[in-house]
Amino acid sequence: MATKKESTGERVRKPVTQFYDQRLIKEIVEAVEDGTSRLSLRQQYGFSEGTLCRWMKKYGSPAYHQSKQRVYKASEKRAVLRAIASGMSIPEAKISFGIVSSTSIHSWIKEDLDENAELSTSNSDVMAKHVKHTDSDEVKALKEALAFAELKNVALNTMIDIAERQFKIDIRKKSGARQSPK
């Protein structure tokens, strides 16, 4: 008894449990590498696109894999990261910059964060050493200036006290004192 698909002339998929011969798989992979249409091979042998992708990953030649990998320049990566930092979403960046996989963008973001964290840690260590050294010198200078200002204040107060006793006049302003009329 024919199924509905068989009677209408549609292609019936082979059962999932069917295995392909290793030699046939390698022939199909070579055909794809030579430029044969994937669609025609899929129609001819009845396997899915996912299966063909899996075979190409597993049995494809190194030259095929190398041709499929796109190497992005550092300037291209920076441009994508700047666009994302300015508010562009990852899917939008993927489309506008022609990037195939969002995983690449995620890895660039992670690399950038790691690099910035490493730079900030190393800079903070250097800066901490520099700041500690500078702080101790500054603190010493400020303490000396404060001690000098306190001595000067004591000296001025002593001079005012002596002048008030010798000349019998009030030099310091008394609290609550009235201003003289002009």
N, C-alpha and C. Protein backbone atom coordinates (compact mmCIF):
# COMPACT_ATOMS: atom_id res chain seq x y z
N MET A 1 0.85 -1.17 0.00
CA MET A 1 0.00 0.00 0.00
C MET A 1 0.89 1.23 0.00
N ALA A 2 0.66 2.11 -0.91
CA ALA A 2 1.47 3.30 -1.07
C ALA A 2 1.00 4.38 -0.10
N THR A 3 1.95 5.11 0.42
CA THR A 3 1.58 6.22 1.33
C THR A 3 1.13 7.40 0.50
N LYS A 4 0.60 8.39 1.17
CA LYS A 4 0.08 9.57 0.49
C LYS A 4 1.19 10.29 -0.29
N LYS A 5 2.41 10.40 0.30
CA LYS A 5 3.51 11.08 -0.36
C LYS A 5 3.95 10.32 -1.60
N GLU A 6 3.99 8.99 -1.52
CA GLU A 6 4.43 8.20 -2.67
C GLU A 6 3.45 8.33 -3.83
N SER A 7 2.16 8.39 -3.53
CA SER A 7 1.16 8.48 -4.59
C SER A 7 1.16 9.85 -5.25
N THR A 8 1.58 10.90 -4.53
CA THR A 8 1.59 12.24 -5.13
C THR A 8 2.90 12.53 -5.85
N GLY A 9 3.87 11.63 -5.76
CA GLY A 9 5.12 11.81 -6.47
C GLY A 9 6.18 12.56 -5.69
N GLU A 10 5.90 12.88 -4.42
CA GLU A 10 6.91 13.57 -3.62
C GLU A 10 7.98 12.57 -3.20
N ARG A 11 9.17 13.10 -3.00
CA ARG A 11 10.29 12.25 -2.61
C ARG A 11 10.12 11.80 -1.16
N VAL A 12 10.29 10.54 -0.92
CA VAL A 12 10.15 9.98 0.42
C VAL A 12 11.54 9.91 1.05
N ARG A 13 11.65 10.42 2.25
CA ARG A 13 12.94 10.37 2.95
C ARG A 13 13.23 8.96 3.39
N LYS A 14 14.49 8.64 3.35
CA LYS A 14 14.91 7.32 3.81
C LYS A 14 14.85 7.29 5.33
N PRO A 15 14.70 6.13 5.90
CA PRO A 15 14.64 6.04 7.36
C PRO A 15 15.94 6.57 7.99
N VAL A 16 15.81 7.12 9.19
CA VAL A 16 16.94 7.70 9.88
C VAL A 16 17.98 6.65 10.21
N THR A 17 17.56 5.43 10.39
CA THR A 17 18.49 4.37 10.80
C THR A 17 19.38 3.89 9.65
N GLN A 18 19.13 4.37 8.43
CA GLN A 18 19.93 3.92 7.31
C GLN A 18 21.32 4.54 7.38
N PHE A 19 22.33 3.72 7.23
CA PHE A 19 23.71 4.19 7.28
C PHE A 19 24.28 4.20 5.88
N TYR A 20 25.14 5.15 5.63
CA TYR A 20 25.79 5.27 4.33
C TYR A 20 27.18 4.66 4.42
N ASP A 21 27.59 4.06 3.33
CA ASP A 21 28.91 3.45 3.25
C ASP A 21 29.97 4.54 3.36
N GLN A 22 31.05 4.23 4.04
CA GLN A 22 32.14 5.19 4.24
C GLN A 22 32.71 5.69 2.92
N ARG A 23 32.85 4.79 1.96
CA ARG A 23 33.38 5.20 0.66
C ARG A 23 32.43 6.17 -0.04
N LEU A 24 31.14 5.92 0.06
CA LEU A 24 30.16 6.80 -0.56
C LEU A 24 30.20 8.19 0.10
N ILE A 25 30.32 8.21 1.41
CA ILE A 25 30.39 9.49 2.13
C ILE A 25 31.59 10.28 1.65
N LYS A 26 32.74 9.63 1.54
CA LYS A 26 33.95 10.32 1.09
C LYS A 26 33.82 10.81 -0.35
N GLU A 27 33.14 10.03 -1.20
CA GLU A 27 32.90 10.46 -2.58
C GLU A 27 32.02 11.71 -2.60
N ILE A 28 30.98 11.72 -1.75
CA ILE A 28 30.08 12.87 -1.68
C ILE A 28 30.84 14.11 -1.20
N VAL A 29 31.68 13.93 -0.18
CA VAL A 29 32.46 15.05 0.36
C VAL A 29 33.41 15.59 -0.72
N GLU A 30 34.05 14.71 -1.46
CA GLU A 30 34.95 15.13 -2.55
C GLU A 30 34.17 15.88 -3.63
N ALA A 31 32.94 15.40 -3.90
CA ALA A 31 32.12 16.06 -4.91
C ALA A 31 31.77 17.49 -4.48
N VAL A 32 31.45 17.67 -3.20
CA VAL A 32 31.15 19.01 -2.69
C VAL A 32 32.39 19.89 -2.79
N GLU A 33 33.54 19.34 -2.43
CA GLU A 33 34.78 20.12 -2.50
C GLU A 33 35.13 20.49 -3.95
N ASP A 34 34.73 19.63 -4.90
CA ASP A 34 34.99 19.91 -6.31
C ASP A 34 33.99 20.91 -6.90
N GLY A 35 32.94 21.22 -6.15
CA GLY A 35 32.02 22.24 -6.61
C GLY A 35 30.64 21.74 -7.00
N THR A 36 30.34 20.47 -6.80
CA THR A 36 29.01 19.95 -7.10
C THR A 36 28.00 20.58 -6.14
N SER A 37 26.82 20.86 -6.65
CA SER A 37 25.78 21.48 -5.86
C SER A 37 25.36 20.58 -4.69
N ARG A 38 25.28 21.17 -3.53
CA ARG A 38 24.85 20.41 -2.35
C ARG A 38 23.42 19.91 -2.52
N LEU A 39 22.59 20.77 -3.09
CA LEU A 39 21.19 20.41 -3.27
C LEU A 39 21.04 19.20 -4.18
N SER A 40 21.79 19.19 -5.27
CA SER A 40 21.68 18.05 -6.20
C SER A 40 22.15 16.76 -5.53
N LEU A 41 23.20 16.83 -4.73
CA LEU A 41 23.68 15.64 -4.02
C LEU A 41 22.66 15.18 -2.98
N ARG A 42 22.04 16.13 -2.30
CA ARG A 42 21.03 15.77 -1.30
C ARG A 42 19.83 15.10 -1.97
N GLN A 43 19.43 15.64 -3.10
CA GLN A 43 18.29 15.05 -3.81
C GLN A 43 18.64 13.68 -4.37
N GLN A 44 19.85 13.53 -4.85
CA GLN A 44 20.26 12.27 -5.44
C GLN A 44 20.36 11.16 -4.40
N TYR A 45 20.93 11.46 -3.22
CA TYR A 45 21.17 10.41 -2.23
C TYR A 45 20.18 10.43 -1.08
N GLY A 46 19.41 11.49 -0.93
CA GLY A 46 18.34 11.52 0.07
C GLY A 46 18.78 11.74 1.51
N PHE A 47 19.75 12.56 1.73
CA PHE A 47 20.14 12.89 3.11
C PHE A 47 19.87 14.37 3.36
N SER A 48 19.92 14.76 4.63
CA SER A 48 19.58 16.14 4.99
C SER A 48 20.81 17.05 4.90
N GLU A 49 20.55 18.35 4.95
CA GLU A 49 21.64 19.33 4.94
C GLU A 49 22.51 19.20 6.18
N GLY A 50 21.88 18.90 7.32
CA GLY A 50 22.63 18.70 8.56
C GLY A 50 23.60 17.53 8.46
N THR A 51 23.14 16.47 7.82
CA THR A 51 24.01 15.31 7.63
C THR A 51 25.21 15.68 6.77
N LEU A 52 24.96 16.41 5.68
CA LEU A 52 26.05 16.81 4.80
C LEU A 52 27.03 17.73 5.53
N CYS A 53 26.52 18.64 6.32
CA CYS A 53 27.39 19.53 7.11
C CYS A 53 28.26 18.71 8.06
N ARG A 54 27.64 17.74 8.71
CA ARG A 54 28.39 16.89 9.64
C ARG A 54 29.48 16.11 8.91
N TRP A 55 29.16 15.60 7.73
CA TRP A 55 30.16 14.86 6.94
C TRP A 55 31.28 15.79 6.50
N MET A 56 30.93 17.00 6.10
CA MET A 56 31.96 17.94 5.65
C MET A 56 32.90 18.31 6.81
N LYS A 57 32.35 18.47 8.00
CA LYS A 57 33.20 18.76 9.15
C LYS A 57 34.11 17.59 9.48
N LYS A 58 33.55 16.40 9.37
CA LYS A 58 34.31 15.21 9.76
C LYS A 58 35.29 14.76 8.69
N TYR A 59 34.87 14.77 7.42
CA TYR A 59 35.69 14.19 6.35
C TYR A 59 36.27 15.23 5.38
N GLY A 60 35.93 16.48 5.55
CA GLY A 60 36.42 17.51 4.64
C GLY A 60 37.93 17.69 4.74
N SER A 61 38.54 18.05 3.63
CA SER A 61 39.99 18.22 3.60
C SER A 61 40.38 19.50 4.36
N PRO A 62 41.63 19.57 4.82
CA PRO A 62 42.09 20.79 5.50
C PRO A 62 41.95 22.04 4.62
N ALA A 63 42.18 21.88 3.33
CA ALA A 63 42.04 23.02 2.42
C ALA A 63 40.59 23.52 2.40
N TYR A 64 39.65 22.60 2.43
CA TYR A 64 38.23 22.98 2.45
C TYR A 64 37.91 23.74 3.73
N HIS A 65 38.37 23.23 4.87
CA HIS A 65 38.10 23.89 6.14
C HIS A 65 38.75 25.26 6.19
N GLN A 66 39.97 25.36 5.65
CA GLN A 66 40.67 26.65 5.65
C GLN A 66 39.92 27.67 4.80
N SER A 67 39.36 27.21 3.68
CA SER A 67 38.65 28.14 2.81
C SER A 67 37.34 28.61 3.44
N LYS A 68 36.78 27.83 4.34
CA LYS A 68 35.52 28.18 4.98
C LYS A 68 35.71 29.15 6.15
N GLN A 69 36.92 29.17 6.73
CA GLN A 69 37.15 30.04 7.86
C GLN A 69 37.52 31.44 7.37
N ARG A 70 36.84 32.42 7.90
CA ARG A 70 37.18 33.79 7.56
C ARG A 70 37.99 34.37 8.71
N VAL A 71 39.08 34.98 8.39
CA VAL A 71 39.92 35.59 9.39
C VAL A 71 39.63 37.09 9.39
N TYR A 72 39.24 37.60 10.56
CA TYR A 72 38.90 39.02 10.68
C TYR A 72 40.13 39.79 11.15
N LYS A 73 40.33 40.96 10.58
CA LYS A 73 41.43 41.82 10.99
C LYS A 73 41.09 42.46 12.33
N ALA A 74 42.12 42.90 13.04
CA ALA A 74 41.92 43.54 14.34
C ALA A 74 41.07 44.81 14.19
N SER A 75 41.27 45.53 13.10
CA SER A 75 40.49 46.76 12.89
C SER A 75 39.00 46.44 12.69
N GLU A 76 38.70 45.32 12.01
CA GLU A 76 37.31 44.91 11.83
C GLU A 76 36.68 44.55 13.18
N LYS A 77 37.45 43.84 14.00
CA LYS A 77 36.94 43.46 15.32
C LYS A 77 36.67 44.71 16.16
N ARG A 78 37.62 45.66 16.13
CA ARG A 78 37.43 46.89 16.91
C ARG A 78 36.21 47.67 16.43
N ALA A 79 35.98 47.69 15.12
CA ALA A 79 34.83 48.40 14.58
C ALA A 79 33.53 47.77 15.09
N VAL A 80 33.49 46.45 15.10
CA VAL A 80 32.30 45.75 15.59
C VAL A 80 32.10 46.03 17.08
N LEU A 81 33.19 45.96 17.86
CA LEU A 81 33.09 46.21 19.30
C LEU A 81 32.67 47.64 19.60
N ARG A 82 33.16 48.61 18.81
CA ARG A 82 32.75 50.01 19.00
C ARG A 82 31.27 50.17 18.70
N ALA A 83 30.80 49.51 17.63
CA ALA A 83 29.38 49.61 17.27
C ALA A 83 28.51 49.02 18.37
N ILE A 84 28.93 47.90 18.93
CA ILE A 84 28.15 47.27 20.00
C ILE A 84 28.19 48.15 21.25
N ALA A 85 29.34 48.74 21.55
CA ALA A 85 29.45 49.62 22.72
C ALA A 85 28.58 50.86 22.57
N SER A 86 28.37 51.30 21.32
CA SER A 86 27.54 52.50 21.11
C SER A 86 26.05 52.19 21.09
N GLY A 87 25.69 50.91 21.26
CA GLY A 87 24.27 50.58 21.39
C GLY A 87 23.72 49.61 20.37
N MET A 88 24.53 49.20 19.41
CA MET A 88 24.05 48.25 18.39
C MET A 88 23.96 46.85 19.02
N SER A 89 22.91 46.12 18.69
CA SER A 89 22.77 44.76 19.22
C SER A 89 23.68 43.81 18.43
N ILE A 90 23.93 42.65 19.00
CA ILE A 90 24.79 41.67 18.33
C ILE A 90 24.18 41.18 17.02
N PRO A 91 22.87 40.87 16.97
CA PRO A 91 22.31 40.47 15.67
C PRO A 91 22.40 41.58 14.61
N GLU A 92 22.23 42.83 15.03
CA GLU A 92 22.36 43.94 14.08
C GLU A 92 23.80 44.06 13.58
N ALA A 93 24.75 43.91 14.49
CA ALA A 93 26.17 43.97 14.10
C ALA A 93 26.51 42.82 13.16
N LYS A 94 25.94 41.68 13.44
CA LYS A 94 26.17 40.51 12.60
C LYS A 94 25.73 40.78 11.17
N ILE A 95 24.59 41.38 11.02
CA ILE A 95 24.05 41.67 9.68
C ILE A 95 24.84 42.79 9.01
N SER A 96 25.05 43.88 9.74
CA SER A 96 25.68 45.05 9.11
C SER A 96 27.14 44.83 8.77
N PHE A 97 27.84 43.99 9.53
CA PHE A 97 29.25 43.74 9.24
C PHE A 97 29.47 42.44 8.46
N GLY A 98 28.40 41.70 8.16
CA GLY A 98 28.51 40.49 7.36
C GLY A 98 29.21 39.35 8.08
N ILE A 99 28.96 39.22 9.37
CA ILE A 99 29.59 38.16 10.17
C ILE A 99 28.63 36.98 10.21
N VAL A 100 29.16 35.79 9.99
CA VAL A 100 28.31 34.61 9.89
C VAL A 100 27.79 34.18 11.25
N SER A 101 28.67 34.17 12.25
CA SER A 101 28.30 33.60 13.53
C SER A 101 28.35 34.65 14.64
N SER A 102 27.34 34.66 15.49
CA SER A 102 27.37 35.58 16.63
C SER A 102 28.33 35.09 17.70
N THR A 103 28.72 33.82 17.62
CA THR A 103 29.70 33.29 18.56
C THR A 103 31.02 34.02 18.43
N SER A 104 31.37 34.38 17.21
CA SER A 104 32.61 35.13 16.99
C SER A 104 32.55 36.46 17.73
N ILE A 105 31.43 37.15 17.62
CA ILE A 105 31.28 38.44 18.28
C ILE A 105 31.36 38.29 19.79
N HIS A 106 30.70 37.24 20.32
CA HIS A 106 30.75 37.00 21.76
C HIS A 106 32.18 36.74 22.22
N SER A 107 32.93 35.98 21.43
CA SER A 107 34.32 35.70 21.82
C SER A 107 35.16 36.97 21.76
N TRP A 108 34.90 37.86 20.79
CA TRP A 108 35.64 39.13 20.70
C TRP A 108 35.35 40.00 21.91
N ILE A 109 34.09 40.03 22.34
CA ILE A 109 33.71 40.81 23.50
C ILE A 109 34.42 40.28 24.74
N LYS A 110 34.44 38.95 24.88
CA LYS A 110 35.11 38.34 26.03
C LYS A 110 36.60 38.64 26.01
N GLU A 111 37.23 38.52 24.84
CA GLU A 111 38.66 38.83 24.73
C GLU A 111 38.93 40.28 25.11
N ASP A 112 38.06 41.17 24.65
CA ASP A 112 38.24 42.60 24.94
C ASP A 112 38.09 42.86 26.44
N LEU A 113 37.10 42.24 27.08
CA LEU A 113 36.92 42.41 28.52
C LEU A 113 38.11 41.86 29.29
N ASP A 114 38.59 40.68 28.88
CA ASP A 114 39.75 40.09 29.54
C ASP A 114 40.98 40.98 29.39
N GLU A 115 41.18 41.50 28.18
CA GLU A 115 42.34 42.36 27.92
C GLU A 115 42.25 43.64 28.74
N ASN A 116 41.07 44.24 28.80
CA ASN A 116 40.90 45.47 29.58
C ASN A 116 41.07 45.21 31.07
N ALA A 117 40.58 44.05 31.54
CA ALA A 117 40.74 43.71 32.95
C ALA A 117 42.22 43.50 33.28
N GLU A 118 42.93 42.85 32.37
CA GLU A 118 44.36 42.61 32.58
C GLU A 118 45.12 43.94 32.60
N LEU A 119 44.78 44.83 31.68
CA LEU A 119 45.44 46.13 31.64
C LEU A 119 45.15 46.94 32.90
N SER A 120 43.90 46.92 33.35
CA SER A 120 43.55 47.71 34.53
C SER A 120 44.21 47.14 35.78
N THR A 121 44.36 45.82 35.85
CA THR A 121 45.02 45.23 37.01
C THR A 121 46.49 45.58 37.03
N SER A 122 47.14 45.47 35.88
CA SER A 122 48.56 45.79 35.85
C SER A 122 48.79 47.28 36.07
N ASN A 123 47.94 48.13 35.53
CA ASN A 123 48.07 49.57 35.74
C ASN A 123 47.80 49.93 37.19
N SER A 124 46.83 49.28 37.81
CA SER A 124 46.52 49.62 39.20
C SER A 124 47.67 49.22 40.11
N ASP A 125 48.36 48.10 39.80
CA ASP A 125 49.51 47.71 40.61
C ASP A 125 50.61 48.75 40.49
N VAL A 126 50.90 49.19 39.28
CA VAL A 126 51.93 50.19 39.07
C VAL A 126 51.53 51.50 39.72
N MET A 127 50.27 51.88 39.53
CA MET A 127 49.79 53.13 40.09
C MET A 127 49.78 53.08 41.62
N ALA A 128 49.43 51.93 42.19
CA ALA A 128 49.40 51.80 43.65
C ALA A 128 50.79 52.00 44.23
N LYS A 129 51.81 51.43 43.61
CA LYS A 129 53.18 51.62 44.07
C LYS A 129 53.56 53.09 43.96
N HIS A 130 53.20 53.71 42.85
CA HIS A 130 53.54 55.11 42.63
C HIS A 130 52.80 56.00 43.61
N VAL A 131 51.53 55.73 43.84
CA VAL A 131 50.72 56.55 44.73
C VAL A 131 51.20 56.41 46.17
N LYS A 132 51.53 55.20 46.60
CA LYS A 132 52.01 55.00 47.97
C LYS A 132 53.28 55.81 48.19
N HIS A 133 54.19 55.76 47.25
CA HIS A 133 55.44 56.49 47.36
C HIS A 133 55.16 57.99 47.40
N THR A 134 54.31 58.45 46.52
CA THR A 134 53.98 59.87 46.45
C THR A 134 53.21 60.30 47.69
N ASP A 135 52.27 59.47 48.14
CA ASP A 135 51.49 59.82 49.31
C ASP A 135 52.39 59.99 50.53
N SER A 136 53.33 59.12 50.72
CA SER A 136 54.17 59.23 51.91
C SER A 136 54.99 60.52 51.86
N ASP A 137 55.51 60.89 50.69
CA ASP A 137 56.24 62.15 50.55
C ASP A 137 55.32 63.34 50.77
N GLU A 138 54.12 63.26 50.20
CA GLU A 138 53.16 64.36 50.35
C GLU A 138 52.73 64.49 51.80
N VAL A 139 52.46 63.36 52.43
CA VAL A 139 52.02 63.39 53.83
C VAL A 139 53.09 64.00 54.71
N LYS A 140 54.35 63.62 54.49
CA LYS A 140 55.44 64.20 55.27
C LYS A 140 55.50 65.71 55.07
N ALA A 141 55.40 66.16 53.82
CA ALA A 141 55.46 67.59 53.53
C ALA A 141 54.29 68.32 54.17
N LEU A 142 53.10 67.73 54.11
CA LEU A 142 51.93 68.37 54.71
C LEU A 142 52.05 68.44 56.23
N LYS A 143 52.58 67.39 56.86
CA LYS A 143 52.76 67.40 58.31
C LYS A 143 53.74 68.48 58.73
N GLU A 144 54.83 68.62 57.95
CA GLU A 144 55.81 69.67 58.25
C GLU A 144 55.17 71.05 58.11
N ALA A 145 54.39 71.25 57.06
CA ALA A 145 53.73 72.55 56.86
C ALA A 145 52.74 72.84 57.98
N LEU A 146 52.01 71.80 58.41
CA LEU A 146 51.07 71.98 59.52
C LEU A 146 51.80 72.35 60.80
N ALA A 147 52.89 71.68 61.09
CA ALA A 147 53.66 71.98 62.30
C ALA A 147 54.19 73.41 62.26
N PHE A 148 54.68 73.84 61.09
CA PHE A 148 55.18 75.21 60.94
C PHE A 148 54.05 76.21 61.15
N ALA A 149 52.85 75.93 60.58
CA ALA A 149 51.71 76.85 60.72
C ALA A 149 51.27 76.94 62.18
N GLU A 150 51.30 75.81 62.90
CA GLU A 150 50.92 75.83 64.32
C GLU A 150 51.91 76.66 65.14
N LEU A 151 53.22 76.50 64.85
CA LEU A 151 54.24 77.30 65.54
C LEU A 151 54.05 78.79 65.25
N LYS A 152 53.76 79.11 64.01
CA LYS A 152 53.55 80.50 63.61
C LYS A 152 52.35 81.08 64.35
N ASN A 153 51.30 80.29 64.45
CA ASN A 153 50.08 80.71 65.15
C ASN A 153 50.38 80.98 66.62
N VAL A 154 51.12 80.07 67.25
CA VAL A 154 51.49 80.25 68.66
C VAL A 154 52.34 81.51 68.81
N ALA A 155 53.29 81.74 67.91
CA ALA A 155 54.16 82.92 67.97
C ALA A 155 53.34 84.20 67.83
N LEU A 156 52.42 84.24 66.90
CA LEU A 156 51.59 85.44 66.70
C LEU A 156 50.72 85.71 67.92
N ASN A 157 50.11 84.66 68.48
CA ASN A 157 49.29 84.84 69.68
C ASN A 157 50.14 85.36 70.84
N THR A 158 51.37 84.85 70.97
CA THR A 158 52.26 85.31 72.04
C THR A 158 52.60 86.79 71.84
N MET A 159 52.89 87.19 70.61
CA MET A 159 53.20 88.60 70.32
C MET A 159 52.02 89.50 70.66
N ILE A 160 50.79 89.06 70.33
CA ILE A 160 49.59 89.85 70.64
C ILE A 160 49.43 89.98 72.14
N ASP A 161 49.64 88.88 72.89
CA ASP A 161 49.53 88.92 74.35
C ASP A 161 50.54 89.91 74.95
N ILE A 162 51.77 89.85 74.47
CA ILE A 162 52.82 90.75 74.99
C ILE A 162 52.46 92.21 74.67
N ALA A 163 51.99 92.47 73.45
CA ALA A 163 51.63 93.84 73.06
C ALA A 163 50.47 94.35 73.89
N GLU A 164 49.47 93.52 74.17
CA GLU A 164 48.33 93.94 74.99
C GLU A 164 48.78 94.30 76.39
N ARG A 165 49.73 93.54 76.99
CA ARG A 165 50.22 93.83 78.33
C ARG A 165 51.08 95.10 78.35
N GLN A 166 51.97 95.24 77.39
CA GLN A 166 52.90 96.38 77.40
C GLN A 166 52.19 97.69 77.09
N PHE A 167 51.31 97.67 76.11
CA PHE A 167 50.66 98.92 75.69
C PHE A 167 49.30 99.11 76.33
N LYS A 168 48.86 98.17 77.09
CA LYS A 168 47.60 98.20 77.82
C LYS A 168 46.43 98.58 76.90
N ILE A 169 46.39 97.89 75.72
CA ILE A 169 45.27 98.07 74.79
C ILE A 169 44.75 96.68 74.39
N ASP A 170 43.45 96.66 74.02
CA ASP A 170 42.85 95.39 73.56
C ASP A 170 43.03 95.29 72.05
N ILE A 171 43.82 94.33 71.63
CA ILE A 171 44.05 94.13 70.20
C ILE A 171 43.04 93.13 69.62
N ARG A 172 42.78 92.10 70.36
CA ARG A 172 41.84 91.06 69.88
C ARG A 172 40.42 91.60 69.98
N LYS A 173 39.60 91.16 68.99
CA LYS A 173 38.20 91.57 68.98
C LYS A 173 37.46 90.75 70.02
N LYS A 174 36.71 91.43 70.83
CA LYS A 174 35.90 90.75 71.84
C LYS A 174 34.60 90.30 71.20
N SER A 175 34.11 89.14 71.62
CA SER A 175 32.87 88.65 71.05
C SER A 175 31.71 89.51 71.54
N GLY A 176 30.80 89.83 70.64
CA GLY A 176 29.65 90.65 70.98
C GLY A 176 29.97 92.13 71.06
N ALA A 177 31.12 92.55 70.66
CA ALA A 177 31.48 93.96 70.72
C ALA A 177 30.75 94.73 69.63
N ARG A 178 30.43 95.99 69.94
CA ARG A 178 29.72 96.82 68.97
C ARG A 178 30.72 97.47 68.01
N GLN A 179 30.21 97.75 66.85
CA GLN A 179 31.04 98.47 65.89
C GLN A 179 30.94 99.96 66.18
N SER A 180 32.01 100.64 65.94
CA SER A 180 31.98 102.08 66.17
C SER A 180 31.22 102.77 65.07
N PRO A 181 30.45 103.83 65.43
CA PRO A 181 29.69 104.53 64.39
C PRO A 181 30.64 105.37 63.53
N LYS A 182 30.34 105.52 62.28
CA LYS A 182 31.19 106.27 61.38
C LYS A 182 30.71 107.66 61.19
